[in-house]
Amino acid sequence: MNAIVPPRLDRTPRSASGTEPAAGTTGTPATGGGATARAVARYAWFAARIGMGFTFLWAFVDKLFGLGYATPDGKGWVDGGHPTKGFLAGAEGPFAGVYHNLAGTAFADIAFMVGLAAIGVALLLGIGMRIAAGAGALMLTMMYTVVLPPKTNPVIDDHLILAALLIGIAAAGAGATFGLGRWWASTPLVRRLPWLT
């Protein structure tokens, strides 16, 4: 019995002479489609990087100044508000006690705000992607554990999806597309300590 072998997609069919594309083909090698797919992926990861960077940086600015979005007007950090108090005080589930104790403490507020700002800036600039993605994924996973089980799904919510997206952004090298990732990787500090990429 003969095996059925699928056609190779990495070559354009050639005419009998082997010098030009066979009749009915476009003459564009399938690798051109691969290049297009890579370009689309590159720009999609870039868009995800910018979107996530803006999300983190916007959360920082809103919580800092109390712009009336997630943080009520007059309740910003500069007004004496506590960026972690409302969310962590409402913790439910197995970690509620830990989060209740952290809610509104200087340690939690400073760590949260510095994390939001640093992750947001790193993502927008395209530098320190590994650290930004790791820290952001950790922060989002911790936010997931504040209210367990999730209210809209018995297993998963958007925090875990966004954490996975951050890991993908770093793994795809998205900092190099319209960002400072290549320059950052070439600095003496990062060449000496590659985990900073």
C-alpha atoms as a PDB file:
ATOM      1  CA  MET A   1       0.000   0.000   0.000  1.00  0.00           C
ATOM      2  CA  ASN A   2       1.357   3.432  -0.914  1.00  0.00           C
ATOM      3  CA  ALA A   3       1.461   6.175   1.689  1.00  0.00           C
ATOM      4  CA  ILE A   4      -0.431   9.347   0.937  1.00  0.00           C
ATOM      5  CA  VAL A   5       1.959  12.257   1.205  1.00  0.00           C
ATOM      6  CA  PRO A   6       0.570  15.800   1.449  1.00  0.00           C
ATOM      7  CA  PRO A   7       1.998  18.359  -0.982  1.00  0.00           C
ATOM      8  CA  ARG A   8       4.948  20.408   0.220  1.00  0.00           C
ATOM      9  CA  LEU A   9       3.935  23.922   1.091  1.00  0.00           C
ATOM     10  CA  ASP A  10       7.421  25.354   1.149  1.00  0.00           C
ATOM     11  CA  ARG A  11       7.792  25.386  -2.641  1.00  0.00           C
ATOM     12  CA  THR A  12       5.912  26.882  -5.541  1.00  0.00           C
ATOM     13  CA  PRO A  13       4.938  24.266  -8.142  1.00  0.00           C
ATOM     14  CA  ARG A  14       7.177  24.578 -11.224  1.00  0.00           C
ATOM     15  CA  SER A  15       6.484  23.949 -14.867  1.00  0.00           C
ATOM     16  CA  ALA A  16       7.996  20.937 -16.600  1.00  0.00           C
ATOM     17  CA  SER A  17      11.091  22.996 -17.419  1.00  0.00           C
ATOM     18  CA  GLY A  18      11.444  23.799 -13.710  1.00  0.00           C
ATOM     19  CA  THR A  19      12.183  27.479 -14.341  1.00  0.00           C
ATOM     20  CA  GLU A  20       8.830  29.200 -13.937  1.00  0.00           C
ATOM     21  CA  PRO A  21       5.740  28.647 -11.818  1.00  0.00           C
ATOM     22  CA  ALA A  22       3.330  26.027 -13.081  1.00  0.00           C
ATOM     23  CA  ALA A  23       0.174  27.252 -14.796  1.00  0.00           C
ATOM     24  CA  GLY A  24      -2.494  28.333 -12.345  1.00  0.00           C
ATOM     25  CA  THR A  25      -0.075  29.237  -9.555  1.00  0.00           C
ATOM     26  CA  THR A  26       0.757  32.724  -8.361  1.00  0.00           C
ATOM     27  CA  GLY A  27       4.510  32.361  -8.395  1.00  0.00           C
ATOM     28  CA  THR A  28       4.702  33.465  -4.752  1.00  0.00           C
ATOM     29  CA  PRO A  29       6.457  30.879  -2.630  1.00  0.00           C
ATOM     30  CA  ALA A  30       4.582  29.595   0.377  1.00  0.00           C
ATOM     31  CA  THR A  31       7.365  31.015   2.519  1.00  0.00           C
ATOM     32  CA  GLY A  32       6.029  34.442   1.506  1.00  0.00           C
ATOM     33  CA  GLY A  33       2.835  33.491   3.315  1.00  0.00           C
ATOM     34  CA  GLY A  34       4.987  32.496   6.266  1.00  0.00           C
ATOM     35  CA  ALA A  35       6.695  35.872   6.177  1.00  0.00           C
ATOM     36  CA  THR A  36       3.299  37.556   6.122  1.00  0.00           C
ATOM     37  CA  ALA A  37       2.137  35.474   9.064  1.00  0.00           C
ATOM     38  CA  ARG A  38       5.315  36.364  10.970  1.00  0.00           C
ATOM     39  CA  ALA A  39       4.791  40.059  10.239  1.00  0.00           C
ATOM     40  CA  VAL A  40       1.166  39.886  11.375  1.00  0.00           C
ATOM     41  CA  ALA A  41       2.243  38.082  14.552  1.00  0.00           C
ATOM     42  CA  ARG A  42       4.992  40.630  15.169  1.00  0.00           C
ATOM     43  CA  TYR A  43       2.571  43.556  14.907  1.00  0.00           C
ATOM     44  CA  ALA A  44      -0.072  41.747  16.966  1.00  0.00           C
ATOM     45  CA  TRP A  45       2.464  41.160  19.768  1.00  0.00           C
ATOM     46  CA  PHE A  46       3.496  44.825  19.475  1.00  0.00           C
ATOM     47  CA  ALA A  47      -0.151  45.909  19.847  1.00  0.00           C
ATOM     48  CA  ALA A  48      -0.578  43.582  22.835  1.00  0.00           C
ATOM     49  CA  ARG A  49       2.587  45.020  24.416  1.00  0.00           C
ATOM     50  CA  ILE A  50       1.385  48.608  24.002  1.00  0.00           C
ATOM     51  CA  GLY A  51      -2.112  47.729  25.202  1.00  0.00           C
ATOM     52  CA  MET A  52      -0.829  45.990  28.314  1.00  0.00           C
ATOM     53  CA  GLY A  53       1.693  48.764  28.986  1.00  0.00           C
ATOM     54  CA  PHE A  54      -1.038  51.382  28.789  1.00  0.00           C
ATOM     55  CA  THR A  55      -3.294  49.272  31.024  1.00  0.00           C
ATOM     56  CA  PHE A  56      -0.671  49.122  33.781  1.00  0.00           C
ATOM     57  CA  LEU A  57       0.416  52.751  33.445  1.00  0.00           C
ATOM     58  CA  TRP A  58      -3.186  54.004  33.330  1.00  0.00           C
ATOM     59  CA  ALA A  59      -4.015  52.063  36.511  1.00  0.00           C
ATOM     60  CA  PHE A  60      -1.023  53.755  38.171  1.00  0.00           C
ATOM     61  CA  VAL A  61      -2.078  57.261  37.080  1.00  0.00           C
ATOM     62  CA  ASP A  62      -5.735  56.724  38.018  1.00  0.00           C
ATOM     63  CA  LYS A  63      -4.831  55.377  41.461  1.00  0.00           C
ATOM     64  CA  LEU A  64      -2.254  58.124  41.982  1.00  0.00           C
ATOM     65  CA  PHE A  65      -4.578  61.042  41.200  1.00  0.00           C
ATOM     66  CA  GLY A  66      -8.079  59.582  41.696  1.00  0.00           C
ATOM     67  CA  LEU A  67      -9.319  60.473  38.222  1.00  0.00           C
ATOM     68  CA  GLY A  68     -12.792  59.066  38.787  1.00  0.00           C
ATOM     69  CA  TYR A  69     -12.404  55.857  36.769  1.00  0.00           C
ATOM     70  CA  ALA A  70     -11.437  52.884  38.953  1.00  0.00           C
ATOM     71  CA  THR A  71     -10.420  55.275  41.731  1.00  0.00           C
ATOM     72  CA  PRO A  72     -13.022  57.817  42.872  1.00  0.00           C
ATOM     73  CA  ASP A  73     -12.247  61.513  42.592  1.00  0.00           C
ATOM     74  CA  GLY A  74     -10.442  62.730  45.720  1.00  0.00           C
ATOM     75  CA  LYS A  75      -9.414  59.207  46.762  1.00  0.00           C
ATOM     76  CA  GLY A  76      -6.104  59.077  44.897  1.00  0.00           C
ATOM     77  CA  TRP A  77      -2.827  58.235  46.551  1.00  0.00           C
ATOM     78  CA  VAL A  78      -1.813  61.928  46.473  1.00  0.00           C
ATOM     79  CA  ASP A  79      -5.021  62.720  48.404  1.00  0.00           C
ATOM     80  CA  GLY A  80      -4.112  60.260  51.172  1.00  0.00           C
ATOM     81  CA  GLY A  81      -6.025  57.324  49.706  1.00  0.00           C
ATOM     82  CA  HIS A  82      -4.764  53.742  49.792  1.00  0.00           C
ATOM     83  CA  PRO A  83      -4.515  52.122  46.334  1.00  0.00           C
ATOM     84  CA  THR A  84      -4.779  48.588  47.717  1.00  0.00           C
ATOM     85  CA  LYS A  85      -7.363  49.070  50.448  1.00  0.00           C
ATOM     86  CA  GLY A  86     -10.631  48.735  48.530  1.00  0.00           C
ATOM     87  CA  PHE A  87      -9.694  45.709  46.446  1.00  0.00           C
ATOM     88  CA  LEU A  88      -7.832  43.756  49.113  1.00  0.00           C
ATOM     89  CA  ALA A  89     -10.352  44.564  51.878  1.00  0.00           C
ATOM     90  CA  GLY A  90     -12.990  42.831  49.753  1.00  0.00           C
ATOM     91  CA  ALA A  91     -10.939  39.634  49.406  1.00  0.00           C
ATOM     92  CA  GLU A  92     -12.817  36.333  49.565  1.00  0.00           C
ATOM     93  CA  GLY A  93     -11.725  32.729  49.563  1.00  0.00           C
ATOM     94  CA  PRO A  94      -8.768  30.865  51.029  1.00  0.00           C
ATOM     95  CA  PHE A  95      -6.357  33.830  50.998  1.00  0.00           C
ATOM     96  CA  ALA A  96      -8.796  36.426  52.353  1.00  0.00           C
ATOM     97  CA  GLY A  97      -7.058  36.711  55.734  1.00  0.00           C
ATOM     98  CA  VAL A  98      -3.674  37.450  54.152  1.00  0.00           C
ATOM     99  CA  TYR A  99      -5.111  40.072  51.836  1.00  0.00           C
ATOM    100  CA  HIS A 100      -7.199  41.702  54.572  1.00  0.00           C
ATOM    101  CA  ASN A 101      -4.015  42.148  56.618  1.00  0.00           C
ATOM    102  CA  LEU A 102      -2.192  43.722  53.640  1.00  0.00           C
ATOM    103  CA  ALA A 103      -5.044  46.038  52.593  1.00  0.00           C
ATOM    104  CA  GLY A 104      -3.989  49.668  52.807  1.00  0.00           C
ATOM    105  CA  THR A 105      -0.587  49.046  54.395  1.00  0.00           C
ATOM    106  CA  ALA A 106       2.310  51.247  53.297  1.00  0.00           C
ATOM    107  CA  PHE A 107       4.196  48.161  52.051  1.00  0.00           C
ATOM    108  CA  ALA A 108       1.303  46.963  49.876  1.00  0.00           C
ATOM    109  CA  ASP A 109       0.536  50.444  48.527  1.00  0.00           C
ATOM    110  CA  ILE A 110       4.148  51.226  47.609  1.00  0.00           C
ATOM    111  CA  ALA A 111       4.847  47.783  46.104  1.00  0.00           C
ATOM    112  CA  PHE A 112       1.634  47.908  44.075  1.00  0.00           C
ATOM    113  CA  MET A 113       2.133  51.437  42.764  1.00  0.00           C
ATOM    114  CA  VAL A 114       5.826  50.974  41.930  1.00  0.00           C
ATOM    115  CA  GLY A 115       4.948  47.704  40.218  1.00  0.00           C
ATOM    116  CA  LEU A 116       2.183  49.285  38.110  1.00  0.00           C
ATOM    117  CA  ALA A 117       4.414  52.166  37.007  1.00  0.00           C
ATOM    118  CA  ALA A 118       7.536  50.090  36.319  1.00  0.00           C
ATOM    119  CA  ILE A 119       5.693  47.363  34.413  1.00  0.00           C
ATOM    120  CA  GLY A 120       3.760  49.932  32.372  1.00  0.00           C
ATOM    121  CA  VAL A 121       6.846  51.956  31.424  1.00  0.00           C
ATOM    122  CA  ALA A 122       8.899  48.838  30.602  1.00  0.00           C
ATOM    123  CA  LEU A 123       6.180  47.477  28.325  1.00  0.00           C
ATOM    124  CA  LEU A 124       5.623  50.784  26.545  1.00  0.00           C
ATOM    125  CA  LEU A 125       9.363  51.242  25.944  1.00  0.00           C
ATOM    126  CA  GLY A 126       9.981  47.574  25.095  1.00  0.00           C
ATOM    127  CA  ILE A 127      12.759  47.138  27.674  1.00  0.00           C
ATOM    128  CA  GLY A 128      13.150  44.607  30.466  1.00  0.00           C
ATOM    129  CA  MET A 129      10.455  42.410  28.950  1.00  0.00           C
ATOM    130  CA  ARG A 130      11.305  39.314  31.002  1.00  0.00           C
ATOM    131  CA  ILE A 131      11.137  41.154  34.312  1.00  0.00           C
ATOM    132  CA  ALA A 132       8.079  43.175  33.311  1.00  0.00           C
ATOM    133  CA  ALA A 133       6.238  40.082  32.087  1.00  0.00           C
ATOM    134  CA  GLY A 134       7.192  38.029  35.141  1.00  0.00           C
ATOM    135  CA  ALA A 135       6.271  40.786  37.601  1.00  0.00           C
ATOM    136  CA  GLY A 136       3.069  41.614  35.743  1.00  0.00           C
ATOM    137  CA  ALA A 137       2.041  37.954  35.535  1.00  0.00           C
ATOM    138  CA  LEU A 138       2.717  37.554  39.269  1.00  0.00           C
ATOM    139  CA  MET A 139       0.692  40.678  40.092  1.00  0.00           C
ATOM    140  CA  LEU A 140      -2.216  39.550  37.917  1.00  0.00           C
ATOM    141  CA  THR A 141      -2.150  36.037  39.382  1.00  0.00           C
ATOM    142  CA  MET A 142      -2.218  37.486  42.887  1.00  0.00           C
ATOM    143  CA  MET A 143      -5.177  39.652  41.879  1.00  0.00           C
ATOM    144  CA  TYR A 144      -6.879  36.484  40.626  1.00  0.00           C
ATOM    145  CA  THR A 145      -6.429  34.887  44.059  1.00  0.00           C
ATOM    146  CA  VAL A 146      -8.011  37.842  45.872  1.00  0.00           C
ATOM    147  CA  VAL A 147     -11.514  36.624  45.026  1.00  0.00           C
ATOM    148  CA  LEU A 148     -11.781  32.865  44.736  1.00  0.00           C
ATOM    149  CA  PRO A 149     -13.646  31.304  43.120  1.00  0.00           C
ATOM    150  CA  PRO A 150     -14.035  33.864  40.331  1.00  0.00           C
ATOM    151  CA  LYS A 151     -17.503  35.379  40.070  1.00  0.00           C
ATOM    152  CA  THR A 152     -18.041  34.962  36.320  1.00  0.00           C
ATOM    153  CA  ASN A 153     -16.469  31.539  35.735  1.00  0.00           C
ATOM    154  CA  PRO A 154     -15.837  28.672  38.165  1.00  0.00           C
ATOM    155  CA  VAL A 155     -12.169  28.314  37.168  1.00  0.00           C
ATOM    156  CA  ILE A 156     -10.618  31.209  35.271  1.00  0.00           C
ATOM    157  CA  ASP A 157     -10.962  34.935  34.783  1.00  0.00           C
ATOM    158  CA  ASP A 158      -9.325  37.698  32.771  1.00  0.00           C
ATOM    159  CA  HIS A 159      -6.431  38.098  35.228  1.00  0.00           C
ATOM    160  CA  LEU A 160      -5.006  34.690  34.293  1.00  0.00           C
ATOM    161  CA  ILE A 161      -5.540  35.288  30.570  1.00  0.00           C
ATOM    162  CA  LEU A 162      -3.697  38.618  30.809  1.00  0.00           C
ATOM    163  CA  ALA A 163      -0.892  36.956  32.789  1.00  0.00           C
ATOM    164  CA  ALA A 164      -0.462  34.409  29.988  1.00  0.00           C
ATOM    165  CA  LEU A 165      -0.539  37.241  27.430  1.00  0.00           C
ATOM    166  CA  LEU A 166       2.326  38.987  29.237  1.00  0.00           C
ATOM    167  CA  ILE A 167       4.429  35.822  29.115  1.00  0.00           C
ATOM    168  CA  GLY A 168       3.711  35.555  25.377  1.00  0.00           C
ATOM    169  CA  ILE A 169       4.724  39.189  24.843  1.00  0.00           C
ATOM    170  CA  ALA A 170       8.114  38.570  26.443  1.00  0.00           C
ATOM    171  CA  ALA A 171       8.643  35.189  24.752  1.00  0.00           C
ATOM    172  CA  ALA A 172       7.848  36.686  21.328  1.00  0.00           C
ATOM    173  CA  GLY A 173      10.480  39.401  21.764  1.00  0.00           C
ATOM    174  CA  ALA A 174       7.826  42.087  21.299  1.00  0.00           C
ATOM    175  CA  GLY A 175      10.095  44.764  22.752  1.00  0.00           C
ATOM    176  CA  ALA A 176      12.072  44.881  19.509  1.00  0.00           C
ATOM    177  CA  THR A 177       9.093  45.984  17.385  1.00  0.00           C
ATOM    178  CA  PHE A 178       8.789  49.777  17.589  1.00  0.00           C
ATOM    179  CA  GLY A 179      10.495  49.625  20.952  1.00  0.00           C
ATOM    180  CA  LEU A 180      13.910  49.901  22.535  1.00  0.00           C
ATOM    181  CA  GLY A 181      14.341  46.146  22.990  1.00  0.00           C
ATOM    182  CA  ARG A 182      17.290  45.701  20.602  1.00  0.00           C
ATOM    183  CA  TRP A 183      19.134  48.695  22.018  1.00  0.00           C
ATOM    184  CA  TRP A 184      18.409  47.540  25.578  1.00  0.00           C
ATOM    185  CA  ALA A 185      19.757  44.037  24.843  1.00  0.00           C
ATOM    186  CA  SER A 186      22.977  45.539  23.461  1.00  0.00           C
ATOM    187  CA  THR A 187      23.795  47.614  26.555  1.00  0.00           C
ATOM    188  CA  PRO A 188      26.775  46.441  28.630  1.00  0.00           C
ATOM    189  CA  LEU A 189      24.574  45.917  31.699  1.00  0.00           C
ATOM    190  CA  VAL A 190      22.146  43.609  29.903  1.00  0.00           C
ATOM    191  CA  ARG A 191      24.936  41.752  28.095  1.00  0.00           C
ATOM    192  CA  ARG A 192      26.457  41.092  31.511  1.00  0.00           C
ATOM    193  CA  LEU A 193      23.069  40.240  33.083  1.00  0.00           C
ATOM    194  CA  PRO A 194      20.910  38.743  30.286  1.00  0.00           C
ATOM    195  CA  TRP A 195      17.988  38.103  32.641  1.00  0.00           C
ATOM    196  CA  LEU A 196      17.332  41.872  32.423  1.00  0.00           C
ATOM    197  CA  THR A 197      16.200  41.557  28.767  1.00  0.00           C
END
